[in-house]
Amino acid sequence: MLFELLQALSALDAVQRVTIYVLPVIFAITVHEAAHGYAARHYGDMTAAAAGRISLNPLRHIDPVGTLLIPALTLLIGGILFGWAKPVPVNFGRLRHPKRDMLWVAAAGPGANLVMALMWALAIKISAFLPQYAALPLALMGAAGIMINTVLMVLNLLPLPPLDGGRIAVSLLPHPWAWKFSRIEPYGFIILLVLMFTHILGAILWPFIMAVFNLISWIFF
């Protein structure tokens, strides 16, 4: 069922596709960033709390380019659905155990995306009990929610600073290696863009994305 809905999404025209994806995209990126803030506060860093960023209000996290324009363009032209929100400020030096706690603060964002993907799968199940005029839009939105949250989760787990996977790698590596690896961070976004435009990024991510799709399909459908 999930794969049929994903195929139906790809068959929509551009306006329909953007309409279906807008809420899942906004909430996926918003909750991802808020989760980092909640985790940072839990482990002792109040930077995000002081900045008013521990919130599920999308307006506090939306980046006009990264949250709206770039995802819309990737939906229109195809390829990996890509986007970002305003990063939640985290001062890792203020965490109670900086190197160890960095792992959990970084993992909170992808973890939130996994939870949301599962919730959107439940929304698809619920859609079966609704009238037809409401069932199909909710089912398509559920499939879009699974898509965007899975892509964000897998993308952010890529071990490349400053992505969450890069932070996790820094946390797990021995100190000398972690310090050397963290020096990649100023170039991380450039590397990511190069991988995306050369289609290497898609080749790396799609096997993991499909594995998550298959797992969700096995659990729910």
N, C-alpha and C. Protein backbone atom coordinates (compact mmCIF):
# COMPACT_ATOMS: atom_id res chain seq x y z
N MET A 1 0.82 -1.21 0.00
CA MET A 1 0.00 0.00 0.00
C MET A 1 0.86 1.27 0.00
N LEU A 2 1.91 1.26 0.81
CA LEU A 2 2.77 2.45 0.88
C LEU A 2 3.37 2.77 -0.47
N PHE A 3 3.88 1.75 -1.16
CA PHE A 3 4.54 2.00 -2.44
C PHE A 3 3.54 2.45 -3.51
N GLU A 4 2.30 1.98 -3.42
CA GLU A 4 1.27 2.46 -4.35
C GLU A 4 0.99 3.94 -4.12
N LEU A 5 0.95 4.34 -2.85
CA LEU A 5 0.71 5.75 -2.53
C LEU A 5 1.88 6.62 -2.97
N LEU A 6 3.10 6.11 -2.81
CA LEU A 6 4.27 6.87 -3.26
C LEU A 6 4.25 7.04 -4.78
N GLN A 7 3.80 6.01 -5.48
CA GLN A 7 3.66 6.13 -6.93
C GLN A 7 2.59 7.15 -7.29
N ALA A 8 1.49 7.15 -6.53
CA ALA A 8 0.42 8.12 -6.77
C ALA A 8 0.92 9.54 -6.53
N LEU A 9 1.79 9.72 -5.53
CA LEU A 9 2.37 11.04 -5.28
C LEU A 9 3.17 11.53 -6.48
N SER A 10 3.95 10.63 -7.05
CA SER A 10 4.80 11.02 -8.19
C SER A 10 3.98 11.34 -9.43
N ALA A 11 2.73 10.83 -9.47
CA ALA A 11 1.87 11.08 -10.63
C ALA A 11 1.11 12.41 -10.52
N LEU A 12 1.15 13.05 -9.34
CA LEU A 12 0.45 14.32 -9.17
C LEU A 12 1.14 15.42 -9.96
N ASP A 13 0.38 16.44 -10.35
CA ASP A 13 1.02 17.58 -10.99
C ASP A 13 1.75 18.41 -9.93
N ALA A 14 2.52 19.41 -10.37
CA ALA A 14 3.40 20.15 -9.47
C ALA A 14 2.63 20.84 -8.35
N VAL A 15 1.52 21.48 -8.68
CA VAL A 15 0.75 22.20 -7.67
C VAL A 15 0.16 21.24 -6.65
N GLN A 16 -0.38 20.12 -7.10
CA GLN A 16 -0.93 19.12 -6.18
C GLN A 16 0.15 18.56 -5.26
N ARG A 17 1.32 18.32 -5.84
CA ARG A 17 2.41 17.74 -5.06
C ARG A 17 2.85 18.70 -3.95
N VAL A 18 3.02 19.97 -4.29
CA VAL A 18 3.42 20.96 -3.28
C VAL A 18 2.35 21.08 -2.20
N THR A 19 1.07 21.05 -2.60
CA THR A 19 -0.03 21.17 -1.65
C THR A 19 -0.03 20.00 -0.66
N ILE A 20 0.22 18.80 -1.16
CA ILE A 20 0.22 17.62 -0.30
C ILE A 20 1.43 17.63 0.64
N TYR A 21 2.57 18.11 0.15
CA TYR A 21 3.80 18.02 0.91
C TYR A 21 3.99 19.14 1.92
N VAL A 22 3.29 20.27 1.78
CA VAL A 22 3.66 21.45 2.55
C VAL A 22 3.61 21.21 4.06
N LEU A 23 2.53 20.61 4.58
CA LEU A 23 2.45 20.37 6.02
C LEU A 23 3.47 19.34 6.50
N PRO A 24 3.59 18.19 5.82
CA PRO A 24 4.62 17.24 6.26
C PRO A 24 6.03 17.83 6.27
N VAL A 25 6.36 18.64 5.27
CA VAL A 25 7.70 19.24 5.23
C VAL A 25 7.91 20.19 6.40
N ILE A 26 6.94 21.08 6.62
CA ILE A 26 7.08 22.07 7.69
C ILE A 26 7.22 21.38 9.05
N PHE A 27 6.36 20.39 9.31
CA PHE A 27 6.42 19.74 10.61
C PHE A 27 7.64 18.84 10.76
N ALA A 28 8.07 18.20 9.67
CA ALA A 28 9.26 17.35 9.74
C ALA A 28 10.48 18.17 10.14
N ILE A 29 10.65 19.31 9.51
CA ILE A 29 11.83 20.14 9.79
C ILE A 29 11.70 20.83 11.14
N THR A 30 10.48 21.29 11.48
CA THR A 30 10.26 21.98 12.75
C THR A 30 10.51 21.06 13.94
N VAL A 31 9.90 19.88 13.92
CA VAL A 31 10.03 18.96 15.06
C VAL A 31 11.46 18.45 15.16
N HIS A 32 12.12 18.26 14.02
CA HIS A 32 13.53 17.85 14.02
C HIS A 32 14.36 18.85 14.82
N GLU A 33 14.20 20.15 14.52
CA GLU A 33 14.99 21.16 15.21
C GLU A 33 14.59 21.29 16.68
N ALA A 34 13.30 21.27 16.95
CA ALA A 34 12.84 21.37 18.35
C ALA A 34 13.38 20.22 19.18
N ALA A 35 13.48 19.03 18.59
CA ALA A 35 14.00 17.87 19.32
C ALA A 35 15.44 18.09 19.76
N HIS A 36 16.25 18.73 18.89
CA HIS A 36 17.61 19.06 19.29
C HIS A 36 17.60 19.97 20.52
N GLY A 37 16.72 20.96 20.51
CA GLY A 37 16.64 21.90 21.63
C GLY A 37 16.22 21.23 22.92
N TYR A 38 15.20 20.37 22.84
CA TYR A 38 14.75 19.64 24.02
C TYR A 38 15.87 18.78 24.58
N ALA A 39 16.58 18.07 23.70
CA ALA A 39 17.67 17.19 24.15
C ALA A 39 18.80 18.00 24.77
N ALA A 40 19.15 19.13 24.14
CA ALA A 40 20.22 19.97 24.68
C ALA A 40 19.86 20.47 26.08
N ARG A 41 18.62 20.90 26.27
CA ARG A 41 18.19 21.36 27.59
C ARG A 41 18.26 20.22 28.61
N HIS A 42 17.84 19.04 28.18
CA HIS A 42 17.87 17.88 29.09
C HIS A 42 19.28 17.59 29.57
N TYR A 43 20.27 17.79 28.70
CA TYR A 43 21.65 17.48 29.05
C TYR A 43 22.43 18.70 29.55
N GLY A 44 21.73 19.81 29.81
CA GLY A 44 22.37 20.91 30.52
C GLY A 44 22.61 22.18 29.76
N ASP A 45 22.39 22.21 28.44
CA ASP A 45 22.63 23.44 27.67
C ASP A 45 21.32 24.19 27.48
N MET A 46 21.25 25.41 28.02
CA MET A 46 20.02 26.20 27.96
C MET A 46 20.04 27.22 26.82
N THR A 47 20.99 27.12 25.89
CA THR A 47 21.13 28.10 24.82
C THR A 47 19.86 28.20 23.98
N ALA A 48 19.33 27.05 23.54
CA ALA A 48 18.12 27.05 22.71
C ALA A 48 16.93 27.56 23.49
N ALA A 49 16.85 27.21 24.77
CA ALA A 49 15.74 27.67 25.61
C ALA A 49 15.78 29.19 25.74
N ALA A 50 16.97 29.75 25.96
CA ALA A 50 17.11 31.19 26.11
C ALA A 50 16.75 31.93 24.82
N ALA A 51 16.96 31.27 23.68
CA ALA A 51 16.65 31.88 22.39
C ALA A 51 15.20 31.65 21.98
N GLY A 52 14.41 30.98 22.81
CA GLY A 52 13.01 30.71 22.49
C GLY A 52 12.82 29.69 21.39
N ARG A 53 13.81 28.80 21.20
CA ARG A 53 13.74 27.84 20.10
C ARG A 53 13.26 26.46 20.51
N ILE A 54 12.99 26.26 21.81
CA ILE A 54 12.40 24.98 22.21
C ILE A 54 10.89 25.13 22.08
N SER A 55 10.42 24.97 20.87
CA SER A 55 9.02 25.23 20.56
C SER A 55 8.60 24.40 19.36
N LEU A 56 7.33 24.00 19.35
CA LEU A 56 6.77 23.31 18.19
C LEU A 56 6.06 24.29 17.26
N ASN A 57 6.21 25.58 17.52
CA ASN A 57 5.66 26.61 16.64
C ASN A 57 6.54 26.70 15.39
N PRO A 58 6.03 26.32 14.22
CA PRO A 58 6.86 26.33 13.01
C PRO A 58 7.48 27.69 12.71
N LEU A 59 6.80 28.77 13.08
CA LEU A 59 7.31 30.11 12.76
C LEU A 59 8.65 30.40 13.43
N ARG A 60 8.94 29.70 14.51
CA ARG A 60 10.21 29.90 15.21
C ARG A 60 11.37 29.19 14.51
N HIS A 61 11.05 28.28 13.60
CA HIS A 61 12.09 27.45 12.99
C HIS A 61 12.19 27.61 11.48
N ILE A 62 11.17 28.16 10.86
CA ILE A 62 11.14 28.20 9.39
C ILE A 62 12.23 29.11 8.84
N ASP A 63 12.96 28.60 7.88
CA ASP A 63 13.89 29.39 7.07
C ASP A 63 13.21 29.55 5.71
N PRO A 64 12.94 30.77 5.26
CA PRO A 64 12.19 30.95 4.01
C PRO A 64 12.80 30.20 2.83
N VAL A 65 14.12 30.16 2.76
CA VAL A 65 14.78 29.47 1.66
C VAL A 65 14.82 27.96 1.89
N GLY A 66 15.35 27.56 3.05
CA GLY A 66 15.57 26.14 3.30
C GLY A 66 14.32 25.34 3.59
N THR A 67 13.31 25.98 4.22
CA THR A 67 12.09 25.25 4.60
C THR A 67 11.02 25.32 3.54
N LEU A 68 11.03 26.39 2.74
CA LEU A 68 9.95 26.58 1.77
C LEU A 68 10.44 26.52 0.33
N LEU A 69 11.39 27.38 -0.04
CA LEU A 69 11.79 27.50 -1.43
C LEU A 69 12.50 26.25 -1.95
N ILE A 70 13.54 25.81 -1.24
CA ILE A 70 14.33 24.66 -1.73
C ILE A 70 13.50 23.38 -1.79
N PRO A 71 12.72 23.03 -0.74
CA PRO A 71 11.87 21.84 -0.88
C PRO A 71 10.89 21.94 -2.03
N ALA A 72 10.30 23.14 -2.24
CA ALA A 72 9.36 23.31 -3.35
C ALA A 72 10.06 23.08 -4.69
N LEU A 73 11.26 23.61 -4.83
CA LEU A 73 12.00 23.44 -6.08
C LEU A 73 12.37 21.98 -6.32
N THR A 74 12.79 21.27 -5.25
CA THR A 74 13.14 19.86 -5.44
C THR A 74 11.91 19.02 -5.76
N LEU A 75 10.76 19.42 -5.25
CA LEU A 75 9.53 18.72 -5.60
C LEU A 75 9.17 18.95 -7.07
N LEU A 76 9.45 20.17 -7.54
CA LEU A 76 9.09 20.51 -8.92
C LEU A 76 10.02 19.89 -9.94
N ILE A 77 11.33 19.86 -9.62
CA ILE A 77 12.30 19.39 -10.62
C ILE A 77 12.73 17.94 -10.40
N GLY A 78 12.34 17.36 -9.25
CA GLY A 78 12.68 15.97 -8.98
C GLY A 78 13.98 15.84 -8.21
N GLY A 79 14.32 14.61 -7.86
CA GLY A 79 15.53 14.33 -7.08
C GLY A 79 15.21 14.18 -5.61
N ILE A 80 16.27 14.09 -4.79
CA ILE A 80 16.12 13.93 -3.35
C ILE A 80 15.45 15.18 -2.79
N LEU A 81 14.38 14.99 -2.03
CA LEU A 81 13.69 16.10 -1.37
C LEU A 81 14.63 16.68 -0.32
N PHE A 82 14.96 17.95 -0.46
CA PHE A 82 16.03 18.56 0.31
C PHE A 82 15.53 19.83 0.96
N GLY A 83 16.00 20.10 2.19
CA GLY A 83 15.61 21.33 2.85
C GLY A 83 16.19 21.40 4.25
N TRP A 84 15.99 22.55 4.90
CA TRP A 84 16.49 22.73 6.26
C TRP A 84 15.71 23.83 6.94
N ALA A 85 15.82 23.89 8.25
CA ALA A 85 15.24 24.97 9.04
C ALA A 85 16.38 25.79 9.63
N LYS A 86 16.04 26.86 10.36
CA LYS A 86 17.06 27.60 11.09
C LYS A 86 17.62 26.67 12.16
N PRO A 87 18.92 26.42 12.16
CA PRO A 87 19.47 25.48 13.15
C PRO A 87 19.22 25.97 14.58
N VAL A 88 18.84 25.04 15.44
CA VAL A 88 18.70 25.36 16.86
C VAL A 88 20.09 25.56 17.45
N PRO A 89 20.33 26.68 18.13
CA PRO A 89 21.67 26.91 18.69
C PRO A 89 21.95 25.96 19.86
N VAL A 90 23.06 25.26 19.76
CA VAL A 90 23.49 24.35 20.83
C VAL A 90 24.95 24.66 21.15
N ASN A 91 25.24 24.90 22.41
CA ASN A 91 26.62 25.09 22.87
C ASN A 91 27.06 23.78 23.52
N PHE A 92 27.76 22.96 22.74
CA PHE A 92 28.13 21.63 23.23
C PHE A 92 29.02 21.71 24.46
N GLY A 93 29.74 22.82 24.61
CA GLY A 93 30.60 22.98 25.78
C GLY A 93 29.81 23.11 27.07
N ARG A 94 28.53 23.46 26.99
CA ARG A 94 27.71 23.60 28.19
C ARG A 94 27.00 22.32 28.59
N LEU A 95 27.11 21.28 27.77
CA LEU A 95 26.51 20.00 28.13
C LEU A 95 27.27 19.43 29.33
N ARG A 96 26.59 18.66 30.15
CA ARG A 96 27.23 18.13 31.36
C ARG A 96 28.42 17.23 31.02
N HIS A 97 28.28 16.43 29.97
CA HIS A 97 29.38 15.60 29.49
C HIS A 97 29.45 15.83 27.97
N PRO A 98 30.16 16.91 27.54
CA PRO A 98 30.06 17.38 26.15
C PRO A 98 30.22 16.31 25.09
N LYS A 99 31.29 15.52 25.14
CA LYS A 99 31.54 14.57 24.06
C LYS A 99 30.50 13.46 24.05
N ARG A 100 30.13 12.96 25.24
CA ARG A 100 29.14 11.89 25.32
C ARG A 100 27.74 12.39 24.99
N ASP A 101 27.35 13.52 25.57
CA ASP A 101 25.99 14.02 25.40
C ASP A 101 25.74 14.55 24.00
N MET A 102 26.81 14.94 23.29
CA MET A 102 26.66 15.39 21.91
C MET A 102 25.95 14.35 21.06
N LEU A 103 26.24 13.08 21.32
CA LEU A 103 25.61 12.00 20.55
C LEU A 103 24.10 12.06 20.68
N TRP A 104 23.59 12.21 21.91
CA TRP A 104 22.15 12.18 22.13
C TRP A 104 21.47 13.44 21.62
N VAL A 105 22.14 14.58 21.74
CA VAL A 105 21.57 15.82 21.19
C VAL A 105 21.48 15.72 19.68
N ALA A 106 22.52 15.20 19.05
CA ALA A 106 22.52 15.06 17.59
C ALA A 106 21.51 14.03 17.13
N ALA A 107 21.39 12.91 17.87
CA ALA A 107 20.48 11.84 17.45
C ALA A 107 19.02 12.19 17.66
N ALA A 108 18.74 13.21 18.48
CA ALA A 108 17.35 13.57 18.77
C ALA A 108 16.59 13.99 17.52
N GLY A 109 17.25 14.70 16.61
CA GLY A 109 16.57 15.16 15.39
C GLY A 109 16.15 14.01 14.49
N PRO A 110 17.10 13.14 14.06
CA PRO A 110 16.69 11.97 13.27
C PRO A 110 15.72 11.06 14.01
N GLY A 111 15.88 10.95 15.33
CA GLY A 111 14.93 10.14 16.10
C GLY A 111 13.52 10.69 16.01
N ALA A 112 13.40 12.02 16.07
CA ALA A 112 12.08 12.65 15.94
C ALA A 112 11.49 12.39 14.56
N ASN A 113 12.34 12.39 13.52
CA ASN A 113 11.85 12.10 12.18
C ASN A 113 11.34 10.68 12.06
N LEU A 114 12.01 9.73 12.71
CA LEU A 114 11.54 8.34 12.69
C LEU A 114 10.18 8.23 13.36
N VAL A 115 10.01 8.88 14.51
CA VAL A 115 8.72 8.86 15.20
C VAL A 115 7.63 9.45 14.32
N MET A 116 7.94 10.57 13.65
CA MET A 116 6.94 11.20 12.78
C MET A 116 6.60 10.33 11.58
N ALA A 117 7.58 9.63 11.02
CA ALA A 117 7.30 8.72 9.91
C ALA A 117 6.32 7.65 10.34
N LEU A 118 6.51 7.12 11.56
CA LEU A 118 5.60 6.10 12.08
C LEU A 118 4.20 6.67 12.33
N MET A 119 4.14 7.93 12.79
CA MET A 119 2.84 8.57 13.01
C MET A 119 2.11 8.81 11.70
N TRP A 120 2.85 9.17 10.65
CA TRP A 120 2.21 9.34 9.34
C TRP A 120 1.72 8.00 8.80
N ALA A 121 2.43 6.92 9.12
CA ALA A 121 1.95 5.59 8.72
C ALA A 121 0.63 5.28 9.42
N LEU A 122 0.51 5.66 10.68
CA LEU A 122 -0.77 5.49 11.39
C LEU A 122 -1.87 6.33 10.74
N ALA A 123 -1.51 7.52 10.27
CA ALA A 123 -2.50 8.37 9.59
C ALA A 123 -3.04 7.68 8.35
N ILE A 124 -2.17 6.98 7.64
CA ILE A 124 -2.63 6.23 6.46
C ILE A 124 -3.62 5.14 6.87
N LYS A 125 -3.31 4.45 7.97
CA LYS A 125 -4.22 3.41 8.45
C LYS A 125 -5.58 4.02 8.83
N ILE A 126 -5.55 5.17 9.50
CA ILE A 126 -6.78 5.84 9.91
C ILE A 126 -7.60 6.29 8.71
N SER A 127 -6.91 6.66 7.63
CA SER A 127 -7.62 7.17 6.44
C SER A 127 -8.60 6.15 5.87
N ALA A 128 -8.36 4.86 6.12
CA ALA A 128 -9.24 3.82 5.60
C ALA A 128 -10.64 3.89 6.20
N PHE A 129 -10.79 4.57 7.34
CA PHE A 129 -12.08 4.65 8.02
C PHE A 129 -12.80 5.98 7.73
N LEU A 130 -12.21 6.80 6.87
CA LEU A 130 -12.79 8.11 6.56
C LEU A 130 -13.54 8.06 5.24
N PRO A 131 -14.45 9.03 5.01
CA PRO A 131 -15.11 9.13 3.70
C PRO A 131 -14.07 9.31 2.59
N GLN A 132 -14.42 8.90 1.39
CA GLN A 132 -13.47 8.91 0.28
C GLN A 132 -12.88 10.28 0.02
N TYR A 133 -13.69 11.34 0.17
CA TYR A 133 -13.18 12.69 -0.14
C TYR A 133 -12.07 13.12 0.83
N ALA A 134 -12.05 12.53 2.04
CA ALA A 134 -11.01 12.84 3.01
C ALA A 134 -9.93 11.77 3.07
N ALA A 135 -10.31 10.53 2.72
CA ALA A 135 -9.38 9.41 2.86
C ALA A 135 -8.18 9.53 1.94
N LEU A 136 -8.41 9.84 0.67
CA LEU A 136 -7.29 9.89 -0.28
C LEU A 136 -6.32 11.02 0.04
N PRO A 137 -6.79 12.26 0.29
CA PRO A 137 -5.82 13.31 0.65
C PRO A 137 -5.01 12.98 1.89
N LEU A 138 -5.64 12.40 2.92
CA LEU A 138 -4.91 12.06 4.14
C LEU A 138 -3.90 10.93 3.86
N ALA A 139 -4.29 9.96 3.06
CA ALA A 139 -3.38 8.86 2.74
C ALA A 139 -2.17 9.37 1.95
N LEU A 140 -2.43 10.26 0.99
CA LEU A 140 -1.32 10.83 0.22
C LEU A 140 -0.42 11.69 1.11
N MET A 141 -1.03 12.46 2.01
CA MET A 141 -0.24 13.27 2.93
C MET A 141 0.57 12.38 3.86
N GLY A 142 -0.03 11.25 4.27
CA GLY A 142 0.71 10.30 5.09
C GLY A 142 1.92 9.74 4.37
N ALA A 143 1.74 9.39 3.10
CA ALA A 143 2.87 8.89 2.30
C ALA A 143 3.94 9.96 2.15
N ALA A 144 3.51 11.21 1.94
CA ALA A 144 4.46 12.31 1.84
C ALA A 144 5.20 12.49 3.16
N GLY A 145 4.48 12.35 4.28
CA GLY A 145 5.10 12.46 5.58
C GLY A 145 6.14 11.38 5.82
N ILE A 146 5.83 10.15 5.40
CA ILE A 146 6.81 9.07 5.52
C ILE A 146 8.03 9.37 4.65
N MET A 147 7.77 9.85 3.44
CA MET A 147 8.87 10.16 2.52
C MET A 147 9.81 11.21 3.09
N ILE A 148 9.26 12.38 3.47
CA ILE A 148 10.12 13.49 3.89
C ILE A 148 10.84 13.16 5.19
N ASN A 149 10.15 12.51 6.13
CA ASN A 149 10.81 12.19 7.40
C ASN A 149 11.88 11.12 7.24
N THR A 150 11.64 10.16 6.37
CA THR A 150 12.65 9.14 6.12
C THR A 150 13.87 9.75 5.45
N VAL A 151 13.64 10.60 4.45
CA VAL A 151 14.76 11.25 3.75
C VAL A 151 15.57 12.11 4.72
N LEU A 152 14.88 12.91 5.54
CA LEU A 152 15.59 13.76 6.50
C LEU A 152 16.36 12.93 7.51
N MET A 153 15.76 11.86 7.98
CA MET A 153 16.45 11.01 8.95
C MET A 153 17.72 10.41 8.36
N VAL A 154 17.59 9.80 7.18
CA VAL A 154 18.73 9.14 6.57
C VAL A 154 19.80 10.16 6.17
N LEU A 155 19.37 11.28 5.60
CA LEU A 155 20.31 12.33 5.20
C LEU A 155 21.09 12.85 6.38
N ASN A 156 20.39 13.13 7.48
CA ASN A 156 21.05 13.71 8.64
C ASN A 156 21.94 12.71 9.37
N LEU A 157 21.75 11.43 9.15
CA LEU A 157 22.62 10.42 9.75
C LEU A 157 23.88 10.18 8.93
N LEU A 158 24.00 10.84 7.79
CA LEU A 158 25.22 10.74 7.00
C LEU A 158 26.39 11.26 7.84
N PRO A 159 27.46 10.48 8.01
CA PRO A 159 28.56 10.90 8.89
C PRO A 159 29.42 11.99 8.29
N LEU A 160 28.83 13.17 8.16
CA LEU A 160 29.53 14.31 7.57
C LEU A 160 29.21 15.55 8.41
N PRO A 161 30.19 16.10 9.14
CA PRO A 161 29.90 17.34 9.87
C PRO A 161 29.53 18.43 8.88
N PRO A 162 28.54 19.31 9.17
CA PRO A 162 27.85 19.47 10.45
C PRO A 162 26.52 18.71 10.54
N LEU A 163 26.29 17.71 9.71
CA LEU A 163 25.07 16.92 9.84
C LEU A 163 25.09 16.16 11.16
N ASP A 164 23.91 15.72 11.58
CA ASP A 164 23.80 15.02 12.86
C ASP A 164 24.68 13.77 12.90
N GLY A 165 24.76 13.08 11.78
CA GLY A 165 25.62 11.90 11.73
C GLY A 165 27.08 12.25 11.95
N GLY A 166 27.49 13.42 11.49
CA GLY A 166 28.85 13.88 11.74
C GLY A 166 29.09 14.14 13.21
N ARG A 167 28.10 14.76 13.87
CA ARG A 167 28.20 15.00 15.32
C ARG A 167 28.27 13.67 16.08
N ILE A 168 27.47 12.71 15.64
CA ILE A 168 27.48 11.40 16.30
C ILE A 168 28.84 10.74 16.13
N ALA A 169 29.42 10.86 14.92
CA ALA A 169 30.73 10.28 14.67
C ALA A 169 31.79 10.94 15.55
N VAL A 170 31.74 12.26 15.68
CA VAL A 170 32.69 12.97 16.54
C VAL A 170 32.56 12.49 17.98
N SER A 171 31.33 12.26 18.42
CA SER A 171 31.10 11.80 19.79
C SER A 171 31.68 10.40 20.02
N LEU A 172 31.63 9.55 18.99
CA LEU A 172 32.04 8.16 19.16
C LEU A 172 33.53 7.94 18.92
N LEU A 173 34.16 8.81 18.11
CA LEU A 173 35.57 8.61 17.79
C LEU A 173 36.47 8.95 18.99
N PRO A 174 37.63 8.32 19.08
CA PRO A 174 38.61 8.73 20.10
C PRO A 174 38.97 10.20 19.92
N HIS A 175 39.38 10.86 20.99
CA HIS A 175 39.62 12.31 20.97
C HIS A 175 40.50 12.78 19.81
N PRO A 176 41.67 12.19 19.56
CA PRO A 176 42.52 12.71 18.46
C PRO A 176 41.83 12.62 17.11
N TRP A 177 41.16 11.50 16.84
CA TRP A 177 40.47 11.32 15.57
C TRP A 177 39.25 12.24 15.49
N ALA A 178 38.54 12.38 16.61
CA ALA A 178 37.36 13.24 16.63
C ALA A 178 37.73 14.67 16.30
N TRP A 179 38.84 15.15 16.86
CA TRP A 179 39.27 16.52 16.59
C TRP A 179 39.60 16.72 15.12
N LYS A 180 40.32 15.75 14.53
CA LYS A 180 40.68 15.84 13.12
C LYS A 180 39.43 15.78 12.23
N PHE A 181 38.52 14.87 12.57
CA PHE A 181 37.30 14.70 11.77
C PHE A 181 36.43 15.96 11.84
N SER A 182 36.37 16.60 13.01
CA SER A 182 35.52 17.78 13.17
C SER A 182 36.01 18.96 12.33
N ARG A 183 37.27 18.92 11.90
CA ARG A 183 37.80 20.01 11.09
C ARG A 183 37.22 20.03 9.68
N ILE A 184 36.49 18.98 9.32
CA ILE A 184 35.81 18.95 8.01
C ILE A 184 34.61 19.89 8.01
N GLU A 185 34.08 20.23 9.19
CA GLU A 185 32.79 20.91 9.30
C GLU A 185 32.65 22.16 8.42
N PRO A 186 33.66 23.06 8.34
CA PRO A 186 33.47 24.25 7.49
C PRO A 186 33.21 23.92 6.02
N TYR A 187 33.61 22.73 5.59
CA TYR A 187 33.46 22.33 4.19
C TYR A 187 32.31 21.34 3.99
N GLY A 188 31.63 20.98 5.09
CA GLY A 188 30.62 19.93 5.01
C GLY A 188 29.48 20.25 4.07
N PHE A 189 28.97 21.49 4.13
CA PHE A 189 27.83 21.85 3.29
C PHE A 189 28.23 21.87 1.82
N ILE A 190 29.43 22.32 1.53
CA ILE A 190 29.91 22.32 0.14
C ILE A 190 30.02 20.88 -0.37
N ILE A 191 30.58 20.00 0.47
CA ILE A 191 30.69 18.59 0.09
C ILE A 191 29.30 18.00 -0.18
N LEU A 192 28.35 18.36 0.69
CA LEU A 192 26.99 17.84 0.53
C LEU A 192 26.37 18.30 -0.78
N LEU A 193 26.55 19.57 -1.12
CA LEU A 193 26.00 20.10 -2.38
C LEU A 193 26.64 19.42 -3.59
N VAL A 194 27.94 19.20 -3.53
CA VAL A 194 28.63 18.51 -4.63
C VAL A 194 28.08 17.10 -4.80
N LEU A 195 27.91 16.40 -3.68
CA LEU A 195 27.36 15.04 -3.73
C LEU A 195 25.94 15.04 -4.30
N MET A 196 25.16 16.07 -3.95
CA MET A 196 23.78 16.14 -4.42
C MET A 196 23.72 16.39 -5.92
N PHE A 197 24.47 17.38 -6.40
CA PHE A 197 24.38 17.76 -7.81
C PHE A 197 25.07 16.77 -8.73
N THR A 198 25.95 15.93 -8.19
CA THR A 198 26.56 14.86 -9.00
C THR A 198 25.80 13.55 -8.88
N HIS A 199 24.68 13.58 -8.14
CA HIS A 199 23.80 12.42 -7.95
C HIS A 199 24.45 11.30 -7.14
N ILE A 200 25.62 11.56 -6.57
CA ILE A 200 26.25 10.56 -5.70
C ILE A 200 25.46 10.43 -4.41
N LEU A 201 24.92 11.58 -3.93
CA LEU A 201 24.17 11.57 -2.67
C LEU A 201 22.98 10.62 -2.76
N GLY A 202 22.24 10.70 -3.87
CA GLY A 202 21.08 9.83 -4.04
C GLY A 202 21.48 8.36 -4.06
N ALA A 203 22.60 8.06 -4.73
CA ALA A 203 23.07 6.67 -4.80
C ALA A 203 23.44 6.14 -3.42
N ILE A 204 23.96 7.03 -2.56
CA ILE A 204 24.33 6.62 -1.20
C ILE A 204 23.09 6.42 -0.34
N LEU A 205 22.13 7.36 -0.44
CA LEU A 205 21.01 7.38 0.49
C LEU A 205 19.88 6.43 0.14
N TRP A 206 19.61 6.22 -1.16
CA TRP A 206 18.41 5.47 -1.54
C TRP A 206 18.33 4.06 -1.00
N PRO A 207 19.42 3.30 -0.94
CA PRO A 207 19.29 1.95 -0.33
C PRO A 207 18.80 2.00 1.11
N PHE A 208 19.27 2.98 1.88
CA PHE A 208 18.83 3.11 3.27
C PHE A 208 17.39 3.61 3.36
N ILE A 209 17.03 4.54 2.46
CA ILE A 209 15.66 5.04 2.42
C ILE A 209 14.70 3.90 2.10
N MET A 210 15.06 3.09 1.10
CA MET A 210 14.20 1.96 0.72
C MET A 210 14.10 0.94 1.85
N ALA A 211 15.17 0.76 2.61
CA ALA A 211 15.13 -0.17 3.73
C ALA A 211 14.13 0.30 4.78
N VAL A 212 14.09 1.61 5.04
CA VAL A 212 13.13 2.15 6.00
C VAL A 212 11.71 2.02 5.45
N PHE A 213 11.51 2.31 4.16
CA PHE A 213 10.19 2.14 3.54
C PHE A 213 9.71 0.70 3.71
N ASN A 214 10.60 -0.24 3.42
CA ASN A 214 10.22 -1.66 3.52
C ASN A 214 9.87 -2.03 4.96
N LEU A 215 10.63 -1.50 5.92
CA LEU A 215 10.36 -1.79 7.32
C LEU A 215 8.99 -1.24 7.74
N ILE A 216 8.72 0.02 7.37
CA ILE A 216 7.43 0.63 7.72
C ILE A 216 6.29 -0.12 7.04
N SER A 217 6.49 -0.47 5.77
CA SER A 217 5.47 -1.22 5.04
C SER A 217 5.20 -2.57 5.70
N TRP A 218 6.26 -3.23 6.16
CA TRP A 218 6.11 -4.54 6.83
C TRP A 218 5.36 -4.40 8.16
N ILE A 219 5.64 -3.33 8.91
CA ILE A 219 5.02 -3.13 10.21
C ILE A 219 3.53 -2.77 10.07
N PHE A 220 3.22 -1.86 9.15
CA PHE A 220 1.90 -1.25 9.10
C PHE A 220 0.99 -1.78 8.00
N PHE A 221 1.57 -2.26 6.92
CA PHE A 221 0.72 -2.55 5.76
C PHE A 221 0.87 -4.00 5.28
